[in-house]
Protein backbone atom coordinates (compact mmCIF):
# COMPACT_ATOMS: atom_id res chain seq x y z
CA MET A 1 200.44 272.54 37.32
CA MET A 2 198.95 275.16 35.17
CA LYS A 3 197.68 272.02 32.98
CA SER A 4 195.55 270.61 36.06
CA HIS A 5 194.30 273.88 36.39
CA PHE A 6 193.35 274.38 32.99
CA VAL A 7 191.43 271.06 33.15
CA LYS A 8 189.75 271.72 36.17
CA ALA A 9 188.76 275.05 34.42
CA LEU A 10 187.51 273.44 31.24
CA SER A 11 185.47 270.82 33.07
CA LEU A 12 183.85 273.84 35.06
CA ILE A 13 183.22 275.60 31.60
CA ILE A 14 181.82 272.40 29.96
CA ALA A 15 179.57 272.00 32.82
CA LEU A 16 178.39 275.56 32.95
CA GLY A 17 177.46 275.34 29.01
CA PHE A 18 175.62 272.49 29.54
CA SER A 19 173.46 274.57 32.39
CA ILE A 20 173.14 277.74 30.57
CA HIS A 21 172.08 276.25 27.18
CA THR A 22 169.29 274.13 28.80
CA TYR A 23 167.01 275.57 26.06
CA ALA A 24 169.27 273.90 23.15
CA ASP A 25 169.73 270.44 22.18
CA THR A 26 173.31 270.91 20.93
CA ARG A 27 175.81 273.90 20.91
CA ILE A 28 179.17 274.28 19.40
CA GLU A 29 181.78 275.51 22.16
CA GLN A 30 185.07 276.74 21.17
CA VAL A 31 187.79 276.89 24.15
CA TRP A 32 190.62 279.12 24.18
CA SER A 33 193.83 278.90 26.48
CA CYS A 34 194.97 282.49 26.46
CA THR A 35 197.60 284.83 28.69
CA LEU A 36 197.71 288.48 28.59
CA ASN A 37 200.53 290.70 26.94
CA GLU A 38 202.85 292.84 29.05
CA GLY A 39 200.60 295.73 30.54
CA LYS A 40 197.39 294.87 29.66
CA SER A 41 194.64 293.82 32.13
CA ILE A 42 191.73 291.45 32.12
CA ALA A 43 189.61 294.36 31.83
CA ASP A 44 191.13 295.35 28.53
CA ILE A 45 190.28 291.74 27.47
CA LYS A 46 186.57 292.02 28.61
CA ALA A 47 185.91 295.22 26.76
CA LEU A 48 187.17 294.10 23.48
CA ASN A 49 185.26 290.76 23.61
CA SER A 50 182.32 292.63 24.34
CA LYS A 51 182.89 294.29 20.98
CA TRP A 52 183.68 291.05 19.33
CA VAL A 53 180.21 289.53 20.35
CA ILE A 54 178.35 292.38 19.05
CA TYR A 55 180.38 292.07 15.82
CA ALA A 56 180.15 288.17 15.66
CA ASN A 57 176.07 288.43 16.16
CA LYS A 58 175.94 291.34 13.44
CA ALA A 59 177.91 289.52 10.74
CA VAL A 60 176.45 286.00 11.42
CA LYS A 61 172.85 285.15 10.56
CA GLY A 62 170.59 284.24 13.09
CA GLY A 63 173.54 285.47 15.72
CA ASP A 64 172.78 283.64 19.14
CA ILE A 65 176.77 283.58 19.52
CA GLN A 66 177.82 284.22 23.23
CA SER A 67 181.16 284.24 24.89
CA TYR A 68 182.56 284.26 28.06
CA VAL A 69 186.21 285.19 29.79
CA VAL A 70 186.92 282.67 32.35
CA THR A 71 189.48 283.47 35.49
CA ALA A 72 190.29 281.51 38.08
CA VAL A 73 188.24 282.11 41.48
CA VAL A 74 189.94 279.57 43.65
CA GLY A 75 193.35 278.29 42.67
CA GLU A 76 195.80 279.84 40.09
CA MET A 77 195.63 279.88 36.91
CA ASP A 78 198.19 281.22 34.23
CA GLY A 79 195.88 283.64 31.80
CA PHE A 80 192.61 282.96 30.84
CA ILE A 81 190.16 281.18 29.02
CA PHE A 82 187.73 282.14 25.95
CA VAL A 83 184.65 280.04 26.07
CA ASP A 84 182.68 281.01 22.43
CA SER A 85 179.33 279.25 21.97
CA PHE A 86 177.58 278.61 18.52
CA PRO A 87 174.04 277.58 18.13
CA SER A 88 175.63 275.51 15.04
CA MET A 89 178.67 274.39 13.19
CA GLU A 90 177.44 276.53 10.45
CA SER A 91 177.10 279.56 12.66
CA TRP A 92 180.82 278.51 13.88
CA THR A 93 181.79 278.43 10.20
CA ALA A 94 180.38 282.00 9.01
CA LYS A 95 182.16 283.66 12.12
CA GLU A 96 185.41 282.32 10.61
CA ALA A 97 184.73 283.93 7.35
CA ALA A 98 183.54 286.93 9.17
CA MET A 99 186.74 287.43 11.20
CA ALA A 100 188.96 287.34 7.81
CA ILE A 101 187.26 290.43 6.24
CA GLY A 102 186.96 294.17 7.42
CA GLU A 103 185.98 294.57 11.06
CA GLY A 104 186.48 291.00 11.89
CA LYS A 105 190.44 291.44 10.82
CA GLU A 106 190.61 294.61 12.66
CA LEU A 107 189.45 292.84 16.12
CA VAL A 108 191.78 290.05 15.52
CA ALA A 109 194.79 292.67 15.60
CA ALA A 110 193.38 294.59 18.41
CA PHE A 111 193.30 291.28 20.17
CA ASN A 112 196.91 290.42 18.99
CA LYS A 113 197.84 293.60 20.71
CA ILE A 114 196.25 292.79 24.30
CA GLY A 115 196.87 288.94 24.53
CA LYS A 116 197.93 285.80 22.93
CA CYS A 117 196.01 282.49 22.82
CA GLN A 118 198.34 279.19 22.84
CA SER A 119 195.57 276.73 21.91
CA ASN A 120 191.82 276.09 21.25
CA SER A 121 189.70 273.46 20.98
CA LEU A 122 186.30 272.82 19.29
CA TYR A 123 183.53 270.88 21.38
CA SER A 124 179.83 269.67 20.55
CA VAL A 125 177.86 270.06 23.61
CA GLU A 126 174.56 268.25 24.35
CA GLU A 127 172.26 268.60 26.77
CA SER A 128 171.48 265.69 29.12
């Protein structure tokens, strides 16, 4: 049942990505399927994700990195989904490097105290 909800949520996310990025021809979207650790809340995730977006845009030349925390509005979903949006593969690669050092490592450690992501996929999305 969770997989069915995940597939529906992922379809919505990809469609959302298309509509939000009408100014761009192609973007890279990284979709994460995650759960909260015991005693943590989605508010904790959103607060940390806001810090991550600021850091990623500061650390990656050109910025334009966006991130969304996705939760179910209708139906049930175990956990939440992150959708991180990058203007190019180069910016995604630069983000990966930035997460392996300094403040990036600290943000990863802080996230691990709040939640766990079981899987992620990288997509190229193009405007139709």
